[in-house]
């Protein structure tokens, strides 16, 4: 960000630190919106960006946490929102990783990106702690958001008729197997399992949404 944009006082004195930090953090979020995912969305030609994805995930996670509150033990809605809003912030520097891409070391790139963000915002140490807690799956809220991240992303593409799956050669088997693998790696939350089974049932009914198998 051009720091000269924060010169608001006579003599070029910068605005107060809280304002300057907030402006830089907003700029970070604007850069997140420039990270384009390989995910088609209904009603438009261009793909979803990381900012849109984070908002959809946040609202869906709160919806599920409230709707399924009886399935959790004292779920913390603030944690749910924080994890969902910030879960992809490292992609500002690490970029988005496509499922099945063997050329990208996701964990290494995202670790370096988190260190860079922490260096940029030393006044906001909670941000790094939240992102690490999410990645380490330290609590039920992080597990819920992690699983829903995969499920919600798939629903978005499903609602677009599967366009990006066909455009990128992703078969029905690949998508369904990847979902089973990603959700299966997580600590057990029955609600996630129920959502996954419903999603797989829908995907199974629509082979036309996917790239044709090549075997």
Protein backbone atom coordinates (compact mmCIF):
# COMPACT_ATOMS: atom_id res chain seq x y z
CA UNK A 1 0.00 0.00 0.00
CA UNK A 2 1.17 3.53 -0.78
CA UNK A 3 1.92 4.92 2.70
CA UNK A 4 1.67 8.48 1.35
CA UNK A 5 -2.09 7.93 1.22
CA UNK A 6 -2.06 8.14 5.01
CA UNK A 7 -0.57 11.63 5.14
CA UNK A 8 -3.51 13.54 6.57
CA UNK A 9 -1.97 16.33 8.62
CA UNK A 10 0.01 19.49 7.78
CA UNK A 11 3.66 18.77 7.19
CA UNK A 12 3.00 15.22 6.00
CA UNK A 13 2.52 13.78 9.49
CA UNK A 14 0.98 10.32 9.30
CA UNK A 15 -2.39 9.52 10.79
CA UNK A 16 -2.54 7.83 14.19
CA UNK A 17 -1.17 4.28 14.41
CA UNK A 18 -4.60 2.68 14.93
CA UNK A 19 -5.97 4.25 11.76
CA UNK A 20 -2.83 3.44 9.75
CA UNK A 21 -2.91 -0.18 10.93
CA UNK A 22 -6.58 -0.53 10.10
CA UNK A 23 -6.01 0.89 6.62
CA UNK A 24 -3.15 -1.55 6.00
CA UNK A 25 -5.32 -4.43 7.22
CA UNK A 26 -8.16 -3.39 4.90
CA UNK A 27 -5.60 -3.29 2.09
CA UNK A 28 -4.57 -6.86 2.99
CA UNK A 29 -8.19 -7.93 2.67
CA UNK A 30 -8.53 -6.15 -0.66
CA UNK A 31 -5.52 -8.13 -1.88
CA UNK A 32 -7.27 -11.30 -0.69
CA UNK A 33 -10.07 -10.45 -3.11
CA UNK A 34 -7.55 -10.52 -5.95
CA UNK A 35 -6.79 -14.20 -5.31
CA UNK A 36 -9.00 -16.05 -7.78
CA UNK A 37 -10.04 -19.61 -6.99
CA UNK A 38 -10.76 -22.32 -9.54
CA UNK A 39 -14.40 -22.27 -8.53
CA UNK A 40 -17.22 -21.26 -10.85
CA UNK A 41 -20.19 -19.47 -9.34
CA UNK A 42 -23.78 -19.21 -10.59
CA UNK A 43 -24.78 -16.32 -12.81
CA UNK A 44 -21.41 -15.02 -13.99
CA UNK A 45 -18.47 -16.02 -16.14
CA UNK A 46 -15.59 -15.20 -13.79
CA UNK A 47 -14.56 -17.36 -10.87
CA UNK A 48 -14.98 -16.89 -7.15
CA UNK A 49 -12.27 -15.00 -5.28
CA UNK A 50 -10.90 -15.68 -1.81
CA UNK A 51 -12.76 -12.77 -0.23
CA UNK A 52 -16.10 -14.06 -1.51
CA UNK A 53 -15.25 -17.58 -0.41
CA UNK A 54 -14.34 -16.43 3.10
CA UNK A 55 -17.62 -14.52 3.44
CA UNK A 56 -19.69 -17.49 2.22
CA UNK A 57 -17.85 -19.84 4.55
CA UNK A 58 -18.30 -17.49 7.53
CA UNK A 59 -22.03 -17.09 7.07
CA UNK A 60 -22.56 -20.79 6.37
CA UNK A 61 -20.50 -21.77 9.42
CA UNK A 62 -22.52 -19.52 11.72
CA UNK A 63 -25.73 -20.89 10.23
CA UNK A 64 -24.64 -24.45 10.92
CA UNK A 65 -23.26 -23.72 14.37
CA UNK A 66 -26.58 -22.18 15.41
CA UNK A 67 -28.78 -24.71 13.64
CA UNK A 68 -26.76 -27.63 14.99
CA UNK A 69 -25.99 -26.16 18.42
CA UNK A 70 -27.38 -29.26 20.13
CA UNK A 71 -24.70 -31.33 18.38
CA UNK A 72 -21.85 -29.35 19.96
CA UNK A 73 -20.64 -28.71 23.45
CA UNK A 74 -20.82 -24.95 24.13
CA UNK A 75 -19.75 -23.91 20.66
CA UNK A 76 -18.04 -20.51 20.49
CA UNK A 77 -19.56 -18.47 17.65
CA UNK A 78 -16.78 -15.87 17.78
CA UNK A 79 -14.19 -18.56 17.10
CA UNK A 80 -16.30 -19.92 14.25
CA UNK A 81 -16.46 -16.48 12.62
CA UNK A 82 -12.80 -15.66 13.23
CA UNK A 83 -11.54 -18.98 11.83
CA UNK A 84 -13.77 -18.73 8.76
CA UNK A 85 -12.95 -15.10 8.01
CA UNK A 86 -9.17 -15.49 8.35
CA UNK A 87 -8.62 -19.11 7.25
CA UNK A 88 -7.36 -18.18 3.77
CA UNK A 89 -5.65 -14.89 4.59
CA UNK A 90 -2.23 -16.50 4.03
CA UNK A 91 -3.17 -16.96 0.37
CA UNK A 92 -2.49 -13.27 -0.16
CA UNK A 93 1.15 -14.41 -0.37
CA UNK A 94 0.88 -18.19 -0.82
CA UNK A 95 -1.80 -18.20 -3.51
CA UNK A 96 -4.67 -20.66 -3.89
CA UNK A 97 -3.81 -24.35 -4.24
CA UNK A 98 -5.94 -26.50 -6.51
CA UNK A 99 -6.96 -29.93 -5.23
CA UNK A 100 -4.53 -32.55 -6.48
CA UNK A 101 -1.78 -30.10 -7.54
CA UNK A 102 1.49 -32.00 -6.86
CA UNK A 103 3.71 -29.04 -7.80
CA UNK A 104 2.82 -26.83 -4.84
CA UNK A 105 4.02 -27.33 -1.26
CA UNK A 106 0.94 -25.85 0.42
CA UNK A 107 2.08 -26.11 4.05
CA UNK A 108 5.51 -24.59 3.40
CA UNK A 109 4.11 -21.72 1.32
CA UNK A 110 1.41 -20.92 3.86
CA UNK A 111 3.85 -21.05 6.78
CA UNK A 112 6.09 -18.51 5.06
CA UNK A 113 3.07 -16.38 4.25
CA UNK A 114 1.90 -16.38 7.87
CA UNK A 115 5.33 -15.24 9.05
CA UNK A 116 5.17 -12.40 6.53
CA UNK A 117 1.71 -11.33 7.73
CA UNK A 118 2.85 -11.45 11.36
CA UNK A 119 5.82 -9.26 10.46
CA UNK A 120 3.49 -6.77 8.78
CA UNK A 121 1.09 -6.64 11.73
CA UNK A 122 3.13 -7.03 14.94
CA UNK A 123 0.45 -5.07 16.81
CA UNK A 124 -2.09 -7.84 16.05
CA UNK A 125 -0.53 -11.07 17.45
CA UNK A 126 -3.97 -12.64 17.89
CA UNK A 127 -4.23 -13.03 14.13
CA UNK A 128 -1.30 -15.45 13.95
CA UNK A 129 -2.56 -17.36 16.98
CA UNK A 130 -6.00 -17.77 15.43
CA UNK A 131 -4.64 -18.97 12.10
CA UNK A 132 -2.31 -21.47 13.81
CA UNK A 133 -5.13 -22.76 16.04
CA UNK A 134 -7.25 -23.27 12.94
CA UNK A 135 -4.53 -25.15 11.09
CA UNK A 136 -3.75 -27.31 14.13
CA UNK A 137 -7.45 -28.13 14.61
CA UNK A 138 -7.18 -27.26 18.28
CA UNK A 139 -10.92 -27.20 18.97
CA UNK A 140 -14.34 -28.19 17.63
CA UNK A 141 -14.80 -24.79 16.00
CA UNK A 142 -11.67 -25.17 13.85
CA UNK A 143 -12.69 -28.70 12.83
CA UNK A 144 -16.17 -27.51 11.86
CA UNK A 145 -14.80 -24.65 9.74
CA UNK A 146 -12.10 -26.84 8.17
CA UNK A 147 -14.61 -29.44 7.07
CA UNK A 148 -17.18 -26.92 5.96
CA UNK A 149 -14.48 -25.16 3.92
CA UNK A 150 -14.38 -28.19 1.61
CA UNK A 151 -18.12 -28.79 1.63
CA UNK A 152 -19.19 -25.18 1.03
CA UNK A 153 -16.65 -24.75 -1.78
CA UNK A 154 -18.07 -27.84 -3.49
CA UNK A 155 -21.65 -26.62 -3.06
CA UNK A 156 -20.77 -23.32 -4.77
CA UNK A 157 -19.45 -25.16 -7.83
CA UNK A 158 -22.40 -27.57 -7.75
CA UNK A 159 -24.82 -24.62 -7.80
CA UNK A 160 -23.00 -23.30 -10.89
CA UNK A 161 -23.66 -26.58 -12.68
CA UNK A 162 -20.11 -27.87 -12.19
CA UNK A 163 -18.62 -25.59 -14.84
CA UNK A 164 -15.15 -25.32 -13.29
CA UNK A 165 -14.93 -29.10 -12.79
CA UNK A 166 -15.42 -29.61 -16.52
CA UNK A 167 -13.13 -26.73 -17.48
CA UNK A 168 -10.29 -28.15 -15.39
CA UNK A 169 -10.76 -31.82 -16.24
CA UNK A 170 -11.92 -32.90 -12.77
CA UNK A 171 -13.90 -36.11 -12.82
CA UNK A 172 -16.76 -37.15 -10.58
CA UNK A 173 -14.61 -39.83 -8.96
CA UNK A 174 -11.78 -37.39 -8.27
CA UNK A 175 -14.03 -34.82 -6.58
CA UNK A 176 -15.94 -37.38 -4.52
CA UNK A 177 -12.80 -39.26 -3.48
CA UNK A 178 -11.08 -36.00 -2.53
CA UNK A 179 -14.02 -34.94 -0.37
CA UNK A 180 -14.02 -38.29 1.41
CA UNK A 181 -10.27 -38.02 1.99
CA UNK A 182 -10.28 -34.41 3.22
CA UNK A 183 -13.23 -34.82 5.58
CA UNK A 184 -12.05 -38.27 6.67
CA UNK A 185 -8.76 -36.81 7.90
CA UNK A 186 -10.55 -34.58 10.41
CA UNK A 187 -11.54 -35.41 13.99
CA UNK A 188 -15.06 -36.78 14.00
CA UNK A 189 -17.94 -34.30 14.04
CA UNK A 190 -21.18 -36.13 13.21
CA UNK A 191 -22.75 -33.05 11.61
CA UNK A 192 -19.92 -32.86 9.05
CA UNK A 193 -20.40 -36.52 8.22
CA UNK A 194 -24.11 -35.95 7.63
CA UNK A 195 -23.43 -32.98 5.37
CA UNK A 196 -20.83 -34.94 3.43
CA UNK A 197 -23.18 -37.86 2.82
CA UNK A 198 -25.90 -35.51 1.54
CA UNK A 199 -23.43 -33.75 -0.74
CA UNK A 200 -22.04 -37.00 -2.14
CA UNK A 201 -25.57 -38.22 -2.83
CA UNK A 202 -26.26 -35.09 -4.88
CA UNK A 203 -22.97 -35.29 -6.77
CA UNK A 204 -23.62 -38.94 -7.58
CA UNK A 205 -26.86 -37.97 -9.33
CA UNK A 206 -25.14 -35.55 -11.72
CA UNK A 207 -22.25 -37.12 -13.65
CA UNK A 208 -22.87 -34.56 -16.41
CA UNK A 209 -21.43 -31.84 -14.20
CA UNK A 210 -17.93 -33.37 -14.32
CA UNK A 211 -15.20 -33.97 -16.86
CA UNK A 212 -15.53 -37.40 -18.45
CA UNK A 213 -13.42 -40.19 -17.00
CA UNK A 214 -10.42 -41.09 -19.16
CA UNK A 215 -9.88 -44.70 -18.12
